[in-house]
Amino acid sequence: MSQTSNWPLPNGSYRLVVPRTVTKKLDKHPLCSDLYPKASGFYKQAKKHTMLRRIHDDNLMIYCTEGAGQFTVGSTTHQINSGDLLLLPSGVAHAYQADANNPWSIYWTHFSGTKSLEFIEYIKTTQQSLTIRVGVNSRLISNFDMLLESLQSSINISSSVSYTHLRAHETREDL
């Protein structure tokens, strides 16, 4: 079960969603099944952005580049600040929201694959926390931009793989 805030995307924000029919193919393809994106985006100053997920089957990475927010796992709430990377593995019930007075700007990606948990552990290295302080890093921002560009260009390059590009006026319940 998921609950979203149903808020309109702020100007300068976007999300790209890979249709389930395509992710099912990626999950079985030998070149992609280890790790693949299911949805990615950038939310700029995402005022009133909230999410509650009790059950979910993918992993989520959120990178806060401006502002702040909070996330809750179990009964514990944690602060997210500019420069923090949040990793939420599949199956971990959680909620998160942008700070009311200083709403975050975030890059995010939902991902899956047989190596997803290994990927999360690789990024976390020795940290036991779900958050990692990486700072506002232009190289990491560039990598998120490249991921988004590659998803966008896949729409234009291949008619056999259909990606859905949701604009600011469109919504998707499970993001």
N, C-alpha and C. Protein backbone atom coordinates (compact mmCIF):
# COMPACT_ATOMS: atom_id res chain seq x y z
N MET A 1 0.84 -1.18 0.00
CA MET A 1 0.00 0.00 0.00
C MET A 1 0.88 1.24 0.00
N SER A 2 0.55 2.17 -0.87
CA SER A 2 1.28 3.43 -0.95
C SER A 2 0.30 4.58 -0.80
N GLN A 3 0.78 5.66 -0.26
CA GLN A 3 -0.03 6.87 -0.16
C GLN A 3 0.84 8.04 -0.56
N THR A 4 0.41 8.79 -1.55
CA THR A 4 1.16 9.95 -2.00
C THR A 4 0.42 11.22 -1.62
N SER A 5 1.13 12.32 -1.77
CA SER A 5 0.55 13.61 -1.42
C SER A 5 -0.29 14.20 -2.55
N ASN A 6 -0.26 13.60 -3.73
CA ASN A 6 -1.00 14.08 -4.89
C ASN A 6 -0.72 15.55 -5.19
N TRP A 7 0.49 15.96 -4.97
CA TRP A 7 0.87 17.34 -5.21
C TRP A 7 1.32 17.50 -6.67
N PRO A 8 1.10 18.66 -7.23
CA PRO A 8 1.57 18.88 -8.60
C PRO A 8 3.09 19.04 -8.62
N LEU A 9 3.72 18.56 -9.65
CA LEU A 9 5.17 18.71 -9.77
C LEU A 9 5.52 20.18 -9.88
N PRO A 10 6.50 20.63 -9.11
CA PRO A 10 6.94 22.02 -9.23
C PRO A 10 7.60 22.27 -10.58
N ASN A 11 7.63 23.52 -11.01
CA ASN A 11 8.34 23.88 -12.24
C ASN A 11 9.78 23.42 -12.14
N GLY A 12 10.33 22.92 -13.24
CA GLY A 12 11.70 22.44 -13.27
C GLY A 12 11.85 21.02 -12.76
N SER A 13 10.74 20.36 -12.43
CA SER A 13 10.76 18.99 -11.93
C SER A 13 10.28 18.05 -13.03
N TYR A 14 10.72 16.79 -12.95
CA TYR A 14 10.28 15.80 -13.92
C TYR A 14 10.50 14.41 -13.37
N ARG A 15 9.80 13.46 -13.98
CA ARG A 15 9.98 12.06 -13.63
C ARG A 15 9.84 11.21 -14.89
N LEU A 16 10.59 10.16 -14.93
CA LEU A 16 10.55 9.21 -16.03
C LEU A 16 10.23 7.85 -15.44
N VAL A 17 9.24 7.18 -15.99
CA VAL A 17 8.78 5.90 -15.46
C VAL A 17 8.90 4.83 -16.55
N VAL A 18 9.53 3.73 -16.21
CA VAL A 18 9.64 2.60 -17.12
C VAL A 18 8.38 1.75 -16.92
N PRO A 19 7.61 1.51 -17.98
CA PRO A 19 6.38 0.72 -17.83
C PRO A 19 6.67 -0.68 -17.29
N ARG A 20 5.71 -1.22 -16.57
CA ARG A 20 5.87 -2.56 -15.97
C ARG A 20 6.16 -3.62 -17.02
N THR A 21 5.56 -3.50 -18.20
CA THR A 21 5.83 -4.49 -19.25
C THR A 21 7.31 -4.50 -19.63
N VAL A 22 7.94 -3.34 -19.61
CA VAL A 22 9.37 -3.25 -19.94
C VAL A 22 10.22 -3.74 -18.77
N THR A 23 9.85 -3.38 -17.54
CA THR A 23 10.66 -3.83 -16.40
C THR A 23 10.61 -5.35 -16.27
N LYS A 24 9.49 -5.97 -16.64
CA LYS A 24 9.42 -7.43 -16.63
C LYS A 24 10.43 -8.03 -17.61
N LYS A 25 10.59 -7.38 -18.76
CA LYS A 25 11.58 -7.84 -19.74
C LYS A 25 13.00 -7.61 -19.23
N LEU A 26 13.25 -6.45 -18.62
CA LEU A 26 14.57 -6.15 -18.07
C LEU A 26 14.95 -7.14 -16.98
N ASP A 27 13.96 -7.53 -16.19
CA ASP A 27 14.19 -8.45 -15.08
C ASP A 27 14.66 -9.82 -15.57
N LYS A 28 14.29 -10.18 -16.78
CA LYS A 28 14.65 -11.49 -17.33
C LYS A 28 15.83 -11.44 -18.29
N HIS A 29 16.21 -10.25 -18.74
CA HIS A 29 17.27 -10.11 -19.73
C HIS A 29 18.64 -10.29 -19.07
N PRO A 30 19.51 -11.15 -19.66
CA PRO A 30 20.81 -11.42 -19.03
C PRO A 30 21.73 -10.20 -18.90
N LEU A 31 21.57 -9.20 -19.73
CA LEU A 31 22.41 -8.00 -19.64
C LEU A 31 21.86 -6.97 -18.67
N CYS A 32 20.61 -7.10 -18.28
CA CYS A 32 19.97 -6.07 -17.46
C CYS A 32 19.48 -6.57 -16.11
N SER A 33 19.32 -7.86 -15.95
CA SER A 33 18.61 -8.39 -14.77
C SER A 33 19.33 -8.11 -13.46
N ASP A 34 20.63 -7.82 -13.49
CA ASP A 34 21.36 -7.55 -12.24
C ASP A 34 20.92 -6.25 -11.58
N LEU A 35 20.73 -5.20 -12.38
CA LEU A 35 20.42 -3.88 -11.83
C LEU A 35 19.84 -3.00 -12.94
N TYR A 36 18.65 -2.47 -12.70
CA TYR A 36 18.02 -1.61 -13.71
C TYR A 36 17.08 -0.62 -13.03
N PRO A 37 16.94 0.57 -13.64
CA PRO A 37 16.02 1.58 -13.08
C PRO A 37 14.58 1.26 -13.45
N LYS A 38 13.69 1.57 -12.54
CA LYS A 38 12.26 1.43 -12.79
C LYS A 38 11.59 2.79 -12.95
N ALA A 39 12.16 3.80 -12.31
CA ALA A 39 11.67 5.18 -12.41
C ALA A 39 12.76 6.08 -11.84
N SER A 40 12.85 7.28 -12.37
CA SER A 40 13.83 8.25 -11.88
C SER A 40 13.27 9.64 -12.08
N GLY A 41 13.82 10.58 -11.33
CA GLY A 41 13.35 11.94 -11.51
C GLY A 41 14.13 12.95 -10.68
N PHE A 42 13.69 14.18 -10.83
CA PHE A 42 14.24 15.30 -10.07
C PHE A 42 13.07 16.16 -9.65
N TYR A 43 12.97 16.43 -8.36
CA TYR A 43 11.93 17.30 -7.81
C TYR A 43 12.62 18.54 -7.25
N LYS A 44 12.26 19.69 -7.79
CA LYS A 44 12.87 20.95 -7.39
C LYS A 44 12.00 21.64 -6.34
N GLN A 45 12.60 21.91 -5.18
CA GLN A 45 11.90 22.57 -4.07
C GLN A 45 10.48 21.99 -3.93
N ALA A 46 10.45 20.72 -3.59
CA ALA A 46 9.23 19.91 -3.61
C ALA A 46 8.35 20.15 -2.38
N LYS A 47 7.80 21.34 -2.30
CA LYS A 47 6.95 21.72 -1.17
C LYS A 47 5.75 20.77 -1.07
N LYS A 48 5.49 20.29 0.14
CA LYS A 48 4.38 19.37 0.45
C LYS A 48 4.54 17.99 -0.16
N HIS A 49 5.75 17.62 -0.56
CA HIS A 49 6.00 16.28 -1.09
C HIS A 49 6.03 15.28 0.06
N THR A 50 5.12 14.32 0.05
CA THR A 50 5.07 13.28 1.08
C THR A 50 4.84 11.92 0.44
N MET A 51 5.28 10.88 1.14
CA MET A 51 5.07 9.52 0.65
C MET A 51 5.02 8.58 1.84
N LEU A 52 4.13 7.60 1.76
CA LEU A 52 4.04 6.53 2.74
C LEU A 52 3.98 5.22 1.97
N ARG A 53 4.89 4.31 2.30
CA ARG A 53 4.90 2.98 1.67
C ARG A 53 4.99 1.93 2.77
N ARG A 54 3.96 1.13 2.87
CA ARG A 54 4.00 0.01 3.81
C ARG A 54 4.54 -1.23 3.13
N ILE A 55 4.22 -1.38 1.84
CA ILE A 55 4.67 -2.53 1.06
C ILE A 55 5.21 -1.99 -0.27
N HIS A 56 6.40 -2.41 -0.63
CA HIS A 56 6.92 -2.06 -1.95
C HIS A 56 7.95 -3.10 -2.36
N ASP A 57 8.12 -3.24 -3.67
CA ASP A 57 8.96 -4.33 -4.18
C ASP A 57 10.20 -3.84 -4.92
N ASP A 58 10.55 -2.59 -4.74
CA ASP A 58 11.79 -2.11 -5.37
C ASP A 58 12.61 -1.33 -4.34
N ASN A 59 13.77 -0.91 -4.75
CA ASN A 59 14.69 -0.15 -3.91
C ASN A 59 14.60 1.31 -4.31
N LEU A 60 14.94 2.18 -3.38
CA LEU A 60 14.84 3.61 -3.65
C LEU A 60 16.10 4.31 -3.16
N MET A 61 16.63 5.18 -4.02
CA MET A 61 17.74 6.05 -3.66
C MET A 61 17.27 7.49 -3.83
N ILE A 62 17.43 8.29 -2.79
CA ILE A 62 17.08 9.71 -2.84
C ILE A 62 18.34 10.50 -2.50
N TYR A 63 18.65 11.49 -3.34
CA TYR A 63 19.80 12.35 -3.11
C TYR A 63 19.31 13.78 -2.96
N CYS A 64 19.46 14.34 -1.78
CA CYS A 64 18.99 15.70 -1.48
C CYS A 64 20.10 16.70 -1.84
N THR A 65 19.79 17.61 -2.76
CA THR A 65 20.79 18.60 -3.20
C THR A 65 20.55 19.99 -2.62
N GLU A 66 19.35 20.23 -2.13
CA GLU A 66 19.00 21.50 -1.49
C GLU A 66 17.92 21.24 -0.47
N GLY A 67 17.82 22.11 0.51
CA GLY A 67 16.73 22.04 1.46
C GLY A 67 16.87 20.86 2.42
N ALA A 68 15.72 20.38 2.89
CA ALA A 68 15.71 19.32 3.89
C ALA A 68 14.41 18.54 3.82
N GLY A 69 14.39 17.42 4.52
CA GLY A 69 13.21 16.58 4.63
C GLY A 69 13.39 15.61 5.78
N GLN A 70 12.45 14.72 5.95
CA GLN A 70 12.52 13.71 6.99
C GLN A 70 12.08 12.38 6.40
N PHE A 71 12.61 11.28 6.99
CA PHE A 71 12.09 9.97 6.66
C PHE A 71 11.91 9.18 7.94
N THR A 72 10.94 8.29 7.90
CA THR A 72 10.62 7.47 9.06
C THR A 72 10.66 6.01 8.66
N VAL A 73 11.37 5.22 9.46
CA VAL A 73 11.39 3.77 9.34
C VAL A 73 11.09 3.25 10.74
N GLY A 74 10.08 2.37 10.82
CA GLY A 74 9.64 1.93 12.15
C GLY A 74 9.06 3.11 12.90
N SER A 75 9.51 3.31 14.11
CA SER A 75 9.00 4.43 14.90
C SER A 75 10.01 5.57 15.01
N THR A 76 11.08 5.49 14.20
CA THR A 76 12.15 6.48 14.28
C THR A 76 12.15 7.39 13.06
N THR A 77 12.17 8.70 13.32
CA THR A 77 12.23 9.70 12.26
C THR A 77 13.63 10.28 12.20
N HIS A 78 14.14 10.44 10.99
CA HIS A 78 15.48 10.95 10.75
C HIS A 78 15.41 12.17 9.85
N GLN A 79 16.32 13.09 10.03
CA GLN A 79 16.43 14.29 9.21
C GLN A 79 17.26 13.99 7.97
N ILE A 80 16.87 14.55 6.86
CA ILE A 80 17.65 14.51 5.61
C ILE A 80 17.98 15.95 5.27
N ASN A 81 19.25 16.22 5.01
CA ASN A 81 19.70 17.57 4.66
C ASN A 81 20.38 17.56 3.31
N SER A 82 20.59 18.73 2.79
CA SER A 82 21.31 18.89 1.54
C SER A 82 22.64 18.14 1.64
N GLY A 83 22.91 17.29 0.65
CA GLY A 83 24.15 16.50 0.65
C GLY A 83 23.99 15.10 1.20
N ASP A 84 22.78 14.72 1.63
CA ASP A 84 22.53 13.38 2.14
C ASP A 84 21.97 12.48 1.06
N LEU A 85 22.40 11.23 1.09
CA LEU A 85 21.92 10.18 0.20
C LEU A 85 21.17 9.18 1.06
N LEU A 86 19.94 8.89 0.69
CA LEU A 86 19.09 7.95 1.42
C LEU A 86 18.90 6.70 0.58
N LEU A 87 19.12 5.53 1.18
CA LEU A 87 18.95 4.24 0.51
C LEU A 87 17.90 3.44 1.25
N LEU A 88 16.79 3.15 0.58
CA LEU A 88 15.71 2.38 1.18
C LEU A 88 15.55 1.06 0.41
N PRO A 89 16.00 -0.05 1.01
CA PRO A 89 15.88 -1.35 0.33
C PRO A 89 14.43 -1.79 0.20
N SER A 90 14.18 -2.65 -0.77
CA SER A 90 12.83 -3.18 -0.95
C SER A 90 12.37 -3.87 0.33
N GLY A 91 11.08 -3.80 0.57
CA GLY A 91 10.51 -4.45 1.73
C GLY A 91 10.56 -3.65 3.01
N VAL A 92 11.28 -2.53 3.05
CA VAL A 92 11.37 -1.71 4.26
C VAL A 92 10.26 -0.66 4.22
N ALA A 93 9.27 -0.82 5.09
CA ALA A 93 8.18 0.15 5.17
C ALA A 93 8.76 1.50 5.58
N HIS A 94 8.29 2.55 4.95
CA HIS A 94 8.86 3.87 5.23
C HIS A 94 7.88 4.98 4.85
N ALA A 95 8.21 6.15 5.34
CA ALA A 95 7.51 7.38 4.96
C ALA A 95 8.57 8.46 4.84
N TYR A 96 8.32 9.43 3.97
CA TYR A 96 9.23 10.57 3.89
C TYR A 96 8.46 11.79 3.44
N GLN A 97 9.06 12.95 3.73
CA GLN A 97 8.41 14.20 3.34
C GLN A 97 9.42 15.33 3.28
N ALA A 98 9.11 16.30 2.46
CA ALA A 98 9.92 17.50 2.38
C ALA A 98 9.65 18.36 3.60
N ASP A 99 10.67 19.08 4.04
CA ASP A 99 10.52 20.01 5.15
C ASP A 99 9.53 21.11 4.75
N ALA A 100 8.64 21.48 5.66
CA ALA A 100 7.61 22.49 5.36
C ALA A 100 8.20 23.87 5.11
N ASN A 101 9.27 24.23 5.83
CA ASN A 101 9.85 25.58 5.71
C ASN A 101 11.00 25.65 4.72
N ASN A 102 11.66 24.53 4.47
CA ASN A 102 12.82 24.49 3.60
C ASN A 102 12.74 23.22 2.74
N PRO A 103 11.76 23.17 1.80
CA PRO A 103 11.52 21.92 1.07
C PRO A 103 12.73 21.49 0.23
N TRP A 104 12.93 20.19 0.21
CA TRP A 104 14.09 19.64 -0.49
C TRP A 104 13.97 19.70 -2.00
N SER A 105 15.13 19.69 -2.63
CA SER A 105 15.27 19.38 -4.05
C SER A 105 15.99 18.04 -4.07
N ILE A 106 15.41 17.06 -4.77
CA ILE A 106 15.96 15.71 -4.73
C ILE A 106 16.03 15.08 -6.11
N TYR A 107 17.09 14.33 -6.31
CA TYR A 107 17.15 13.35 -7.39
C TYR A 107 16.73 12.04 -6.75
N TRP A 108 16.07 11.18 -7.51
CA TRP A 108 15.65 9.90 -6.96
C TRP A 108 15.59 8.86 -8.06
N THR A 109 15.74 7.63 -7.66
CA THR A 109 15.56 6.52 -8.59
C THR A 109 15.06 5.29 -7.84
N HIS A 110 14.06 4.66 -8.41
CA HIS A 110 13.60 3.35 -7.97
C HIS A 110 14.34 2.35 -8.85
N PHE A 111 14.87 1.31 -8.24
CA PHE A 111 15.61 0.32 -9.02
C PHE A 111 15.38 -1.09 -8.49
N SER A 112 15.67 -2.05 -9.36
CA SER A 112 15.49 -3.46 -9.02
C SER A 112 16.61 -4.26 -9.67
N GLY A 113 16.54 -5.56 -9.49
CA GLY A 113 17.51 -6.46 -10.08
C GLY A 113 18.11 -7.39 -9.04
N THR A 114 18.69 -8.48 -9.52
CA THR A 114 19.23 -9.50 -8.62
C THR A 114 20.41 -9.00 -7.80
N LYS A 115 21.08 -7.94 -8.24
CA LYS A 115 22.22 -7.40 -7.51
C LYS A 115 21.90 -6.10 -6.76
N SER A 116 20.62 -5.79 -6.61
CA SER A 116 20.21 -4.54 -5.96
C SER A 116 20.76 -4.40 -4.55
N LEU A 117 20.62 -5.45 -3.76
CA LEU A 117 21.09 -5.35 -2.37
C LEU A 117 22.61 -5.27 -2.31
N GLU A 118 23.29 -5.96 -3.22
CA GLU A 118 24.75 -5.83 -3.28
C GLU A 118 25.15 -4.41 -3.65
N PHE A 119 24.40 -3.78 -4.56
CA PHE A 119 24.65 -2.41 -4.95
C PHE A 119 24.49 -1.48 -3.74
N ILE A 120 23.42 -1.67 -2.97
CA ILE A 120 23.19 -0.85 -1.78
C ILE A 120 24.33 -1.04 -0.79
N GLU A 121 24.72 -2.26 -0.55
CA GLU A 121 25.81 -2.53 0.40
C GLU A 121 27.13 -1.93 -0.10
N TYR A 122 27.36 -1.95 -1.40
CA TYR A 122 28.57 -1.36 -1.98
C TYR A 122 28.60 0.15 -1.71
N ILE A 123 27.47 0.80 -1.91
CA ILE A 123 27.41 2.25 -1.69
C ILE A 123 27.56 2.58 -0.21
N LYS A 124 26.92 1.80 0.64
CA LYS A 124 26.96 2.07 2.08
C LYS A 124 28.33 1.80 2.68
N THR A 125 29.14 0.97 2.06
CA THR A 125 30.44 0.52 2.57
C THR A 125 30.30 0.07 4.02
N THR A 126 30.85 0.78 4.96
CA THR A 126 30.82 0.33 6.35
C THR A 126 29.71 0.98 7.17
N GLN A 127 28.94 1.86 6.57
CA GLN A 127 27.89 2.56 7.32
C GLN A 127 26.69 1.63 7.54
N GLN A 128 26.13 1.67 8.73
CA GLN A 128 24.95 0.88 9.05
C GLN A 128 23.66 1.68 8.85
N SER A 129 23.78 2.95 8.66
CA SER A 129 22.63 3.83 8.53
C SER A 129 22.05 3.73 7.12
N LEU A 130 20.79 4.15 6.99
CA LEU A 130 20.17 4.23 5.67
C LEU A 130 20.58 5.49 4.93
N THR A 131 21.20 6.44 5.64
CA THR A 131 21.66 7.68 5.01
C THR A 131 23.18 7.73 5.00
N ILE A 132 23.68 8.39 3.99
CA ILE A 132 25.12 8.59 3.85
C ILE A 132 25.33 10.07 3.56
N ARG A 133 26.22 10.67 4.28
CA ARG A 133 26.56 12.08 4.05
C ARG A 133 27.62 12.11 2.95
N VAL A 134 27.24 12.56 1.75
CA VAL A 134 28.18 12.64 0.63
C VAL A 134 28.48 14.08 0.23
N GLY A 135 27.71 15.01 0.78
CA GLY A 135 27.86 16.41 0.40
C GLY A 135 27.20 16.67 -0.94
N VAL A 136 27.10 17.92 -1.30
CA VAL A 136 26.57 18.27 -2.62
C VAL A 136 27.73 18.09 -3.58
N ASN A 137 27.63 17.07 -4.40
CA ASN A 137 28.73 16.60 -5.23
C ASN A 137 28.35 16.76 -6.69
N SER A 138 29.06 17.60 -7.42
CA SER A 138 28.72 17.86 -8.82
C SER A 138 28.83 16.59 -9.67
N ARG A 139 29.74 15.70 -9.33
CA ARG A 139 29.88 14.46 -10.11
C ARG A 139 28.66 13.55 -9.89
N LEU A 140 28.18 13.45 -8.67
CA LEU A 140 27.00 12.64 -8.40
C LEU A 140 25.77 13.25 -9.08
N ILE A 141 25.63 14.55 -9.02
CA ILE A 141 24.53 15.22 -9.72
C ILE A 141 24.62 14.94 -11.21
N SER A 142 25.82 15.00 -11.77
CA SER A 142 26.02 14.70 -13.18
C SER A 142 25.63 13.26 -13.51
N ASN A 143 25.93 12.33 -12.60
CA ASN A 143 25.56 10.93 -12.83
C ASN A 143 24.04 10.75 -12.82
N PHE A 144 23.35 11.42 -11.92
CA PHE A 144 21.89 11.37 -11.93
C PHE A 144 21.35 11.98 -13.23
N ASP A 145 21.93 13.10 -13.65
CA ASP A 145 21.50 13.72 -14.91
C ASP A 145 21.72 12.78 -16.09
N MET A 146 22.85 12.07 -16.09
CA MET A 146 23.12 11.11 -17.18
C MET A 146 22.11 9.97 -17.17
N LEU A 147 21.74 9.48 -15.99
CA LEU A 147 20.72 8.44 -15.90
C LEU A 147 19.41 8.93 -16.49
N LEU A 148 19.01 10.14 -16.11
CA LEU A 148 17.77 10.70 -16.62
C LEU A 148 17.83 10.94 -18.13
N GLU A 149 18.97 11.41 -18.60
CA GLU A 149 19.13 11.62 -20.05
C GLU A 149 19.08 10.31 -20.80
N SER A 150 19.69 9.26 -20.24
CA SER A 150 19.68 7.98 -20.94
C SER A 150 18.27 7.39 -20.99
N LEU A 151 17.50 7.55 -19.91
CA LEU A 151 16.11 7.11 -19.95
C LEU A 151 15.31 7.91 -20.98
N GLN A 152 15.54 9.23 -20.99
CA GLN A 152 14.83 10.08 -21.95
C GLN A 152 15.22 9.74 -23.38
N SER A 153 16.51 9.54 -23.63
CA SER A 153 16.94 9.25 -25.01
C SER A 153 16.46 7.87 -25.45
N SER A 154 16.27 6.95 -24.50
CA SER A 154 15.72 5.64 -24.86
C SER A 154 14.33 5.78 -25.45
N ILE A 155 13.61 6.79 -25.01
CA ILE A 155 12.29 7.04 -25.58
C ILE A 155 12.44 7.40 -27.06
N ASN A 156 13.43 8.20 -27.37
CA ASN A 156 13.60 8.70 -28.73
C ASN A 156 14.32 7.72 -29.64
N ILE A 157 15.21 6.88 -29.09
CA ILE A 157 16.03 6.00 -29.91
C ILE A 157 15.30 4.73 -30.32
N SER A 158 14.59 4.13 -29.41
CA SER A 158 14.05 2.80 -29.66
C SER A 158 12.53 2.80 -29.61
N SER A 159 11.92 2.40 -30.71
CA SER A 159 10.46 2.27 -30.69
C SER A 159 10.06 0.92 -30.10
N SER A 160 11.01 -0.02 -29.98
CA SER A 160 10.67 -1.32 -29.41
C SER A 160 10.62 -1.28 -27.89
N VAL A 161 11.24 -0.29 -27.28
CA VAL A 161 11.17 -0.12 -25.84
C VAL A 161 10.41 1.17 -25.58
N SER A 162 9.25 1.06 -24.97
CA SER A 162 8.45 2.26 -24.76
C SER A 162 8.54 2.70 -23.31
N TYR A 163 9.12 3.86 -23.10
CA TYR A 163 9.17 4.47 -21.78
C TYR A 163 8.08 5.51 -21.71
N THR A 164 7.62 5.77 -20.51
CA THR A 164 6.60 6.78 -20.30
C THR A 164 7.25 7.99 -19.67
N HIS A 165 7.08 9.13 -20.27
CA HIS A 165 7.62 10.38 -19.71
C HIS A 165 6.44 11.14 -19.14
N LEU A 166 6.43 11.29 -17.84
CA LEU A 166 5.36 12.02 -17.18
C LEU A 166 5.78 13.47 -16.98
N ARG A 167 4.98 14.37 -17.49
CA ARG A 167 5.28 15.79 -17.34
C ARG A 167 4.67 16.31 -16.05
N ALA A 168 4.91 17.56 -15.76
CA ALA A 168 4.50 18.16 -14.49
C ALA A 168 3.00 18.06 -14.24
N HIS A 169 2.18 18.02 -15.27
CA HIS A 169 0.74 17.98 -15.06
C HIS A 169 0.21 16.56 -14.92
N GLU A 170 1.05 15.53 -15.08
CA GLU A 170 0.62 14.15 -14.97
C GLU A 170 1.06 13.58 -13.63
N THR A 171 0.38 12.52 -13.19
CA THR A 171 0.73 11.88 -11.92
C THR A 171 0.85 10.39 -12.11
N ARG A 172 1.50 9.75 -11.14
CA ARG A 172 1.57 8.28 -11.09
C ARG A 172 1.46 7.87 -9.63
N GLU A 173 0.49 7.07 -9.32
CA GLU A 173 0.14 6.74 -7.95
C GLU A 173 1.27 6.09 -7.17
N ASP A 174 2.07 5.21 -7.81
CA ASP A 174 3.02 4.42 -7.04
C ASP A 174 4.43 5.00 -7.01
N LEU A 175 4.60 6.28 -7.26
CA LEU A 175 5.93 6.90 -7.15
C LEU A 175 6.05 7.67 -5.87
